[in-house]
Amino acid sequence: MGHNPITFGKALRASRLRAGLTQFALAELAGVSPRTVRYIESAEVARPRRESVRRLARALQALGEVPWTTEGEVRIEVLGPLEVKRGGRPIPLGTLKQRCLFATLALRPNEVVGRDEVIDALWGDQPPASCNNLLNTYVSGVRGFVDGGGRRGVGSIISRVGLGYRLAVDDEQTDVTGFLDLVTVALSTPDLFARKQSLERALDLWRGPVLDDLPRRVRLSPAAVALAGRRVQAALAYADAALAVGAAQDAVDRLRPMAHHEPLHEPLHARLMLAYAAAGQQAAALRAFSDIRLRLDEELGVQPGREIRLAHTEVLSGERVPPHQPGGPALDGGGAVLITGLAAEPWPYRVRDRGPEDAVRRLLRGLAVSADRVRTDDVHARTLFR
């Protein structure tokens, strides 16, 4: 929430008194314990539980009271171009290197990001000899912009932890956490209508590819790639839910721009083909098949995999397209991309005759890794892919 506990407690107490409520009465209206209200008002807890705060806010707002304001609160968005705002107004962050530093931490809010990972995001394989001193300078500079004074104590949004740094924010302050929470809720919901709605809200948080305005080193960092993978996973689940409840056009509208940014992602294009067909746009579905078949041939030298071929067969048959089973990339609990499902199986077999190292380099290029980073050294290629 980013609130000073003393100021926040005083604001809550003032609102409660204006509403003519005792601590017990407010607790009863909000569905929290009287002790929670007492602790918050007396600033005995530095970070109240978010659910308790939400309940108190709803109770007081129902009585016409607004116990706190978001003025001065920092909002961080990385699902698209990097945006950092305070009270709705942009925070500049300073130099490009400082923006890259902040973005690297913002990809993993409330986690410790190692100094080596930050250095790699800023300079790649050839950091300057003074990189440690420069990094300290950039951290101080970002603190000055975001904290409004460069505080180094517990009040700073960026703290030094061991050999790394942590960006300390509440869930409501970052679109990353909001997106991941919505996806988690959606995928655990058996009701397909509710799942579709939650995934819509999650996907609507994206304004474009992750950190779209920053250098490739940052956009292709492991954390950024994993986050982009979660977006695709959410889109595939959304398509399945939308097709199951008869909302094919909704699936088309959300998959089409994503397919543009993922030109070689076979499960995503397969879902788009099925969505086109279910929406009565068979010609568009066939064009989508022709387009990805051509791209796969020109860029990877392979033919479409089983999932694309099955979708093409369904489109050609003209039969009602059934809900498609998930077969795209899934993510494990640590955020690493796992290649699973029908689309993952054919590709290694289709290129096995060319040698494993050649296959790795082709796959790296298919993942948009620039040619200058894919060295001829086989060990480097395998390490980069991992």
Protein backbone atom coordinates (compact mmCIF):
# COMPACT_ATOMS: atom_id res chain seq x y z
CA MET A 1 0.00 0.00 0.00
CA GLY A 2 2.97 2.31 0.50
CA HIS A 3 1.41 4.16 3.47
CA ASN A 4 3.18 5.49 6.54
CA PRO A 5 1.62 3.42 9.37
CA ILE A 6 1.24 6.41 11.70
CA THR A 7 -0.38 8.62 9.06
CA PHE A 8 -2.54 5.75 7.85
CA GLY A 9 -3.70 4.94 11.39
CA LYS A 10 -4.59 8.57 12.07
CA ALA A 11 -6.56 8.80 8.81
CA LEU A 12 -8.49 5.64 9.65
CA ARG A 13 -9.31 6.90 13.15
CA ALA A 14 -10.45 10.31 11.83
CA SER A 15 -12.75 8.68 9.30
CA ARG A 16 -14.19 6.34 11.91
CA LEU A 17 -14.92 9.21 14.30
CA ARG A 18 -16.53 11.31 11.57
CA ALA A 19 -18.79 8.35 10.83
CA GLY A 20 -19.70 8.17 14.53
CA LEU A 21 -18.44 4.62 14.97
CA THR A 22 -16.63 2.92 17.80
CA GLN A 23 -13.74 0.63 17.02
CA PHE A 24 -15.98 -2.33 17.79
CA ALA A 25 -18.74 -1.05 15.49
CA LEU A 26 -16.35 -0.47 12.59
CA ALA A 27 -14.83 -3.91 13.08
CA GLU A 28 -18.28 -5.48 13.00
CA LEU A 29 -19.26 -3.61 9.82
CA ALA A 30 -15.99 -4.53 8.10
CA GLY A 31 -15.89 -8.14 9.26
CA VAL A 32 -12.54 -7.80 11.03
CA SER A 33 -11.56 -8.11 14.66
CA PRO A 34 -11.68 -5.06 16.98
CA ARG A 35 -8.03 -5.74 17.72
CA THR A 36 -7.21 -5.19 14.01
CA VAL A 37 -8.81 -1.74 14.10
CA ARG A 38 -7.06 -0.89 17.35
CA TYR A 39 -3.65 -2.02 16.11
CA ILE A 40 -3.93 -0.09 12.84
CA GLU A 41 -5.09 3.11 14.50
CA SER A 42 -2.28 2.94 17.03
CA ALA A 43 0.30 2.14 14.30
CA GLU A 44 1.29 -1.07 16.07
CA VAL A 45 1.43 -2.92 12.75
CA ALA A 46 3.65 -1.54 9.99
CA ARG A 47 1.96 -3.46 7.16
CA PRO A 48 -1.68 -4.42 7.84
CA ARG A 49 -3.13 -7.37 5.96
CA ARG A 50 -4.41 -6.25 2.56
CA GLU A 51 -7.75 -8.01 3.01
CA SER A 52 -8.31 -6.23 6.34
CA VAL A 53 -7.55 -2.88 4.71
CA ARG A 54 -9.95 -3.60 1.84
CA ARG A 55 -12.75 -4.54 4.23
CA LEU A 56 -12.25 -1.43 6.32
CA ALA A 57 -12.21 0.71 3.19
CA ARG A 58 -15.45 -0.78 1.88
CA ALA A 59 -17.19 -0.32 5.23
CA LEU A 60 -16.20 3.34 5.53
CA GLN A 61 -16.80 4.15 1.88
CA ALA A 62 -20.33 2.79 2.24
CA LEU A 63 -20.83 5.52 4.87
CA GLY A 64 -19.40 8.22 2.62
CA GLU A 65 -15.92 8.20 4.14
CA VAL A 66 -12.60 7.79 2.32
CA PRO A 67 -10.08 6.89 5.02
CA TRP A 68 -6.93 7.24 2.87
CA THR A 69 -5.83 8.51 -0.47
CA THR A 70 -3.69 7.10 -3.23
CA GLU A 71 -2.04 10.50 -3.67
CA GLY A 72 1.69 9.88 -3.44
CA GLU A 73 1.41 6.12 -3.96
CA VAL A 74 3.75 4.61 -6.54
CA ARG A 75 2.26 2.50 -9.35
CA ILE A 76 4.59 0.30 -11.42
CA GLU A 77 3.67 -1.20 -14.80
CA VAL A 78 5.92 -3.46 -16.87
CA LEU A 79 3.29 -5.28 -18.97
CA GLY A 80 4.08 -3.11 -21.96
CA PRO A 81 6.35 -0.04 -21.94
CA LEU A 82 7.77 0.68 -18.48
CA GLU A 83 5.61 3.17 -16.60
CA VAL A 84 6.16 4.35 -13.04
CA LYS A 85 3.72 6.87 -11.61
CA ARG A 86 3.04 8.60 -8.33
CA GLY A 87 -0.53 9.75 -7.81
CA GLY A 88 -1.14 9.24 -11.53
CA ARG A 89 1.82 11.39 -12.60
CA PRO A 90 4.85 9.83 -14.38
CA ILE A 91 8.14 9.45 -12.51
CA PRO A 92 11.09 9.92 -14.92
CA LEU A 93 13.63 7.52 -13.24
CA GLY A 94 16.57 9.24 -14.97
CA THR A 95 18.95 7.64 -17.46
CA LEU A 96 18.27 4.60 -19.62
CA LYS A 97 20.53 2.49 -17.41
CA GLN A 98 18.51 3.54 -14.36
CA ARG A 99 15.28 2.61 -16.14
CA CYS A 100 16.76 -0.79 -17.01
CA LEU A 101 17.82 -1.29 -13.40
CA PHE A 102 14.37 -0.46 -12.08
CA ALA A 103 12.68 -2.65 -14.70
CA THR A 104 14.88 -5.62 -13.80
CA LEU A 105 13.77 -5.35 -10.16
CA ALA A 106 10.14 -4.65 -11.09
CA LEU A 107 9.90 -7.90 -13.04
CA ARG A 108 10.27 -9.73 -9.72
CA PRO A 109 8.59 -7.54 -7.09
CA ASN A 110 9.46 -8.33 -3.47
CA GLU A 111 12.12 -10.84 -4.53
CA VAL A 112 15.85 -10.45 -4.10
CA VAL A 113 17.47 -9.99 -7.51
CA GLY A 114 21.17 -10.83 -7.48
CA ARG A 115 23.71 -8.16 -8.34
CA ASP A 116 25.12 -10.34 -11.15
CA GLU A 117 21.68 -10.59 -12.74
CA VAL A 118 21.27 -6.82 -12.62
CA ILE A 119 24.74 -6.28 -14.10
CA ASP A 120 23.95 -8.74 -16.91
CA ALA A 121 20.70 -6.88 -17.69
CA LEU A 122 22.55 -3.56 -17.87
CA TRP A 123 25.76 -4.53 -19.69
CA GLY A 124 25.52 -8.12 -20.90
CA ASP A 125 28.68 -10.21 -21.20
CA GLN A 126 31.07 -7.23 -21.16
CA PRO A 127 30.42 -5.07 -18.10
CA PRO A 128 32.88 -2.23 -17.45
CA ALA A 129 35.44 -2.59 -14.69
CA SER A 130 33.59 0.10 -12.75
CA CYS A 131 30.21 -1.68 -12.99
CA ASN A 132 29.82 -2.12 -9.24
CA ASN A 133 30.38 1.57 -8.55
CA LEU A 134 28.11 2.52 -11.43
CA LEU A 135 25.42 0.19 -10.13
CA ASN A 136 25.53 1.86 -6.72
CA THR A 137 25.20 5.24 -8.43
CA TYR A 138 22.20 4.07 -10.46
CA VAL A 139 20.47 2.63 -7.39
CA SER A 140 20.92 5.91 -5.54
CA GLY A 141 19.64 7.83 -8.55
CA VAL A 142 16.51 5.71 -8.86
CA ARG A 143 15.87 6.01 -5.13
CA GLY A 144 16.05 9.77 -5.48
CA PHE A 145 13.34 9.78 -8.14
CA VAL A 146 11.02 7.16 -6.67
CA ASP A 147 11.42 7.84 -2.95
CA GLY A 148 11.46 11.59 -3.41
CA GLY A 149 14.66 12.06 -1.46
CA GLY A 150 16.90 9.07 -1.88
CA ARG A 151 16.13 7.46 1.48
CA ARG A 152 18.32 4.47 2.26
CA GLY A 153 16.47 3.17 5.30
CA VAL A 154 13.46 0.92 5.66
CA GLY A 155 11.32 3.53 3.91
CA SER A 156 13.09 3.15 0.58
CA ILE A 157 11.29 1.21 -2.15
CA ILE A 158 14.64 -0.34 -3.18
CA SER A 159 16.65 -2.06 -0.46
CA ARG A 160 20.01 -3.81 -0.50
CA VAL A 161 19.69 -7.44 0.61
CA GLY A 162 22.87 -9.49 0.79
CA LEU A 163 24.40 -9.53 -2.68
CA GLY A 164 21.28 -8.25 -4.38
CA TYR A 165 18.44 -5.75 -4.36
CA ARG A 166 14.73 -5.96 -3.67
CA LEU A 167 11.90 -3.75 -4.88
CA ALA A 168 9.44 -3.67 -1.98
CA VAL A 169 5.88 -2.99 -3.10
CA ASP A 170 2.36 -4.08 -2.25
CA ASP A 171 0.34 -6.20 -4.65
CA GLU A 172 -1.85 -3.26 -5.65
CA GLN A 173 1.15 -1.23 -6.77
CA THR A 174 2.34 -3.45 -9.62
CA ASP A 175 0.60 -4.90 -12.66
CA VAL A 176 2.81 -8.01 -12.47
CA THR A 177 1.29 -9.21 -9.21
CA GLY A 178 -2.20 -8.24 -10.32
CA PHE A 179 -1.83 -10.26 -13.51
CA LEU A 180 -0.38 -13.33 -11.80
CA ASP A 181 -3.03 -13.30 -9.07
CA LEU A 182 -5.86 -13.10 -11.60
CA VAL A 183 -4.40 -15.97 -13.63
CA THR A 184 -4.00 -18.12 -10.53
CA VAL A 185 -7.60 -17.51 -9.52
CA ALA A 186 -8.86 -18.14 -13.05
CA LEU A 187 -7.04 -21.44 -13.53
CA SER A 188 -8.38 -22.75 -10.23
CA THR A 189 -11.99 -21.83 -11.08
CA PRO A 190 -14.10 -24.68 -12.52
CA ASP A 191 -16.81 -22.31 -13.78
CA LEU A 192 -15.85 -21.50 -17.37
CA PHE A 193 -17.72 -18.19 -17.49
CA ALA A 194 -15.94 -16.99 -14.33
CA ARG A 195 -12.63 -18.28 -15.68
CA LYS A 196 -13.12 -16.37 -18.91
CA GLN A 197 -13.90 -13.16 -17.03
CA SER A 198 -10.87 -13.43 -14.75
CA LEU A 199 -8.57 -14.15 -17.67
CA GLU A 200 -10.02 -11.20 -19.58
CA ARG A 201 -9.15 -8.92 -16.69
CA ALA A 202 -5.67 -10.42 -16.52
CA LEU A 203 -4.98 -10.06 -20.24
CA ASP A 204 -6.37 -6.52 -20.29
CA LEU A 205 -3.55 -5.46 -17.98
CA TRP A 206 -1.12 -5.96 -20.86
CA ARG A 207 -0.45 -2.86 -22.98
CA GLY A 208 2.00 -4.63 -25.30
CA PRO A 209 5.03 -6.96 -25.04
CA VAL A 210 6.76 -6.86 -21.66
CA LEU A 211 9.00 -3.77 -21.27
CA ASP A 212 8.50 -2.98 -24.92
CA ASP A 213 10.45 0.31 -24.78
CA LEU A 214 13.66 -1.05 -23.25
CA PRO A 215 16.75 -2.72 -24.80
CA ARG A 216 16.65 -6.35 -25.86
CA ARG A 217 18.88 -7.46 -22.99
CA VAL A 218 16.16 -6.47 -20.53
CA ARG A 219 13.25 -7.67 -22.66
CA LEU A 220 14.91 -11.07 -23.12
CA SER A 221 16.01 -11.57 -19.53
CA PRO A 222 14.84 -14.85 -17.95
CA ALA A 223 12.26 -13.07 -15.79
CA ALA A 224 10.84 -11.15 -18.77
CA VAL A 225 10.67 -14.27 -20.95
CA ALA A 226 8.96 -16.21 -18.16
CA LEU A 227 6.40 -13.43 -17.72
CA ALA A 228 5.71 -13.37 -21.46
CA GLY A 229 5.25 -17.14 -21.27
CA ARG A 230 2.64 -16.70 -18.56
CA ARG A 231 0.81 -14.26 -20.81
CA VAL A 232 0.68 -16.87 -23.57
CA GLN A 233 -0.45 -19.51 -21.09
CA ALA A 234 -3.26 -17.19 -19.96
CA ALA A 235 -4.24 -16.52 -23.58
CA LEU A 236 -4.44 -20.23 -24.38
CA ALA A 237 -6.57 -20.87 -21.30
CA TYR A 238 -8.74 -17.90 -22.21
CA ALA A 239 -9.25 -19.22 -25.75
CA ASP A 240 -10.28 -22.62 -24.41
CA ALA A 241 -12.78 -21.07 -22.00
CA ALA A 242 -14.15 -18.63 -24.59
CA LEU A 243 -14.66 -21.36 -27.19
CA ALA A 244 -16.33 -23.58 -24.59
CA VAL A 245 -18.92 -20.90 -23.71
CA GLY A 246 -19.55 -19.84 -27.30
CA ALA A 247 -17.58 -16.59 -27.25
CA ALA A 248 -15.37 -17.27 -30.27
CA GLN A 249 -15.20 -13.65 -31.41
CA ASP A 250 -13.89 -12.60 -28.01
CA ALA A 251 -11.11 -15.16 -28.42
CA VAL A 252 -10.30 -13.80 -31.89
CA ASP A 253 -10.11 -10.24 -30.61
CA ARG A 254 -7.60 -11.11 -27.90
CA LEU A 255 -5.53 -13.72 -29.72
CA ARG A 256 -5.04 -11.79 -32.95
CA PRO A 257 -2.74 -9.04 -31.54
CA MET A 258 -0.84 -11.60 -29.47
CA ALA A 259 -0.27 -13.80 -32.50
CA HIS A 260 1.37 -10.83 -34.20
CA HIS A 261 3.95 -10.65 -31.40
CA GLU A 262 4.38 -14.47 -31.25
CA PRO A 263 4.72 -15.29 -34.96
CA LEU A 264 6.12 -18.82 -34.42
CA HIS A 265 4.06 -19.96 -31.45
CA GLU A 266 2.17 -22.93 -32.85
CA PRO A 267 -0.35 -23.53 -30.00
CA LEU A 268 -1.32 -19.86 -30.03
CA HIS A 269 -1.86 -19.82 -33.78
CA ALA A 270 -3.76 -23.10 -33.60
CA ARG A 271 -6.18 -21.54 -31.08
CA LEU A 272 -6.56 -18.50 -33.30
CA MET A 273 -7.44 -20.71 -36.26
CA LEU A 274 -10.07 -22.53 -34.20
CA ALA A 275 -11.47 -19.25 -32.91
CA TYR A 276 -11.73 -17.87 -36.46
CA ALA A 277 -13.55 -20.99 -37.58
CA ALA A 278 -15.93 -21.02 -34.61
CA ALA A 279 -16.70 -17.35 -35.30
CA GLY A 280 -17.66 -18.21 -38.88
CA GLN A 281 -14.47 -16.83 -40.44
CA GLN A 282 -13.13 -19.90 -42.21
CA ALA A 283 -11.18 -17.89 -44.80
CA ALA A 284 -9.32 -16.04 -42.04
CA ALA A 285 -8.57 -19.36 -40.35
CA LEU A 286 -7.08 -20.77 -43.55
CA ARG A 287 -5.02 -17.62 -44.09
CA ALA A 288 -3.67 -17.94 -40.55
CA PHE A 289 -2.60 -21.51 -41.34
CA SER A 290 -0.88 -20.49 -44.58
CA ASP A 291 0.93 -17.63 -42.85
CA ILE A 292 2.41 -19.67 -40.01
CA ARG A 293 3.29 -22.56 -42.33
CA LEU A 294 5.28 -20.13 -44.48
CA ARG A 295 7.01 -18.55 -41.47
CA LEU A 296 7.97 -21.91 -39.99
CA ASP A 297 9.47 -22.97 -43.31
CA GLU A 298 11.37 -19.73 -43.95
CA GLU A 299 12.66 -19.09 -40.41
CA LEU A 300 13.08 -22.59 -38.95
CA GLY A 301 13.03 -24.85 -41.98
CA VAL A 302 10.25 -27.04 -40.55
CA GLN A 303 6.65 -27.86 -41.32
CA PRO A 304 3.73 -27.16 -38.95
CA GLY A 305 3.48 -29.48 -35.97
CA ARG A 306 0.66 -31.80 -34.98
CA GLU A 307 -1.42 -29.20 -33.17
CA ILE A 308 -1.48 -26.82 -36.13
CA ARG A 309 -2.28 -29.69 -38.51
CA LEU A 310 -5.17 -30.87 -36.34
CA ALA A 311 -6.60 -27.36 -36.20
CA HIS A 312 -6.27 -27.09 -39.98
CA THR A 313 -8.14 -30.37 -40.42
CA GLU A 314 -10.96 -29.15 -38.19
CA VAL A 315 -11.21 -25.90 -40.14
CA LEU A 316 -11.34 -27.74 -43.47
CA SER A 317 -13.98 -30.18 -42.23
CA GLY A 318 -16.44 -27.37 -41.61
CA GLU A 319 -17.70 -29.18 -38.54
CA ARG A 320 -18.45 -27.46 -35.26
CA VAL A 321 -15.15 -26.75 -33.56
CA PRO A 322 -15.08 -28.35 -30.09
CA PRO A 323 -13.33 -26.77 -27.11
CA HIS A 324 -9.60 -27.32 -27.62
CA GLN A 325 -7.51 -29.01 -24.98
CA PRO A 326 -4.54 -27.05 -23.63
CA GLY A 327 -1.33 -27.98 -25.35
CA GLY A 328 0.82 -24.87 -25.11
CA PRO A 329 3.61 -23.83 -22.82
CA ALA A 330 3.00 -24.30 -19.14
CA LEU A 331 4.88 -22.74 -16.28
CA ASP A 332 6.14 -24.40 -13.17
CA GLY A 333 5.85 -22.81 -9.74
CA GLY A 334 9.27 -21.08 -10.07
CA GLY A 335 8.33 -19.28 -13.25
CA ALA A 336 10.53 -21.27 -15.64
CA VAL A 337 9.11 -21.98 -19.07
CA LEU A 338 8.40 -25.65 -19.67
CA ILE A 339 7.80 -26.85 -23.23
CA THR A 340 4.86 -29.23 -22.95
CA GLY A 341 1.92 -30.51 -24.92
CA LEU A 342 1.41 -31.58 -28.48
CA ALA A 343 3.38 -28.76 -30.08
CA ALA A 344 6.58 -29.53 -28.21
CA GLU A 345 7.02 -33.09 -29.41
CA PRO A 346 7.42 -32.80 -33.20
CA TRP A 347 10.05 -30.04 -33.43
CA PRO A 348 13.09 -31.85 -31.98
CA TYR A 349 12.32 -34.92 -34.06
CA ARG A 350 11.92 -32.85 -37.20
CA VAL A 351 15.42 -31.37 -36.81
CA ARG A 352 17.25 -34.30 -35.21
CA ASP A 353 19.12 -35.10 -38.40
CA ARG A 354 20.76 -31.66 -38.36
CA GLY A 355 22.53 -32.27 -35.04
CA PRO A 356 21.53 -31.10 -31.54
CA GLU A 357 23.72 -27.99 -31.51
CA ASP A 358 22.26 -26.76 -34.78
CA ALA A 359 18.80 -27.42 -33.39
CA VAL A 360 19.57 -25.38 -30.26
CA ARG A 361 20.79 -22.43 -32.31
CA ARG A 362 17.72 -22.56 -34.52
CA LEU A 363 15.46 -22.67 -31.50
CA LEU A 364 17.24 -19.67 -29.99
CA ARG A 365 16.68 -17.72 -33.17
CA GLY A 366 13.04 -18.79 -33.11
CA LEU A 367 12.82 -17.34 -29.60
CA ALA A 368 13.93 -13.98 -31.01
CA VAL A 369 17.48 -14.17 -29.67
CA SER A 370 19.62 -12.00 -31.92
CA ALA A 371 22.16 -13.70 -34.16
CA ASP A 372 25.07 -11.86 -32.56
CA ARG A 373 24.23 -13.49 -29.20
CA VAL A 374 24.00 -17.00 -30.71
CA ARG A 375 27.71 -17.76 -31.01
CA THR A 376 29.16 -20.68 -32.86
CA ASP A 377 30.40 -22.04 -29.52
CA ASP A 378 28.19 -25.05 -28.75
CA VAL A 379 28.57 -24.77 -24.96
CA HIS A 380 27.53 -21.10 -25.03
CA ALA A 381 24.47 -21.90 -27.16
CA ARG A 382 23.29 -24.60 -24.78
CA THR A 383 23.88 -22.34 -21.77
CA LEU A 384 21.96 -19.47 -23.37
CA PHE A 385 19.04 -21.75 -24.19
CA ARG A 386 18.91 -23.06 -20.61
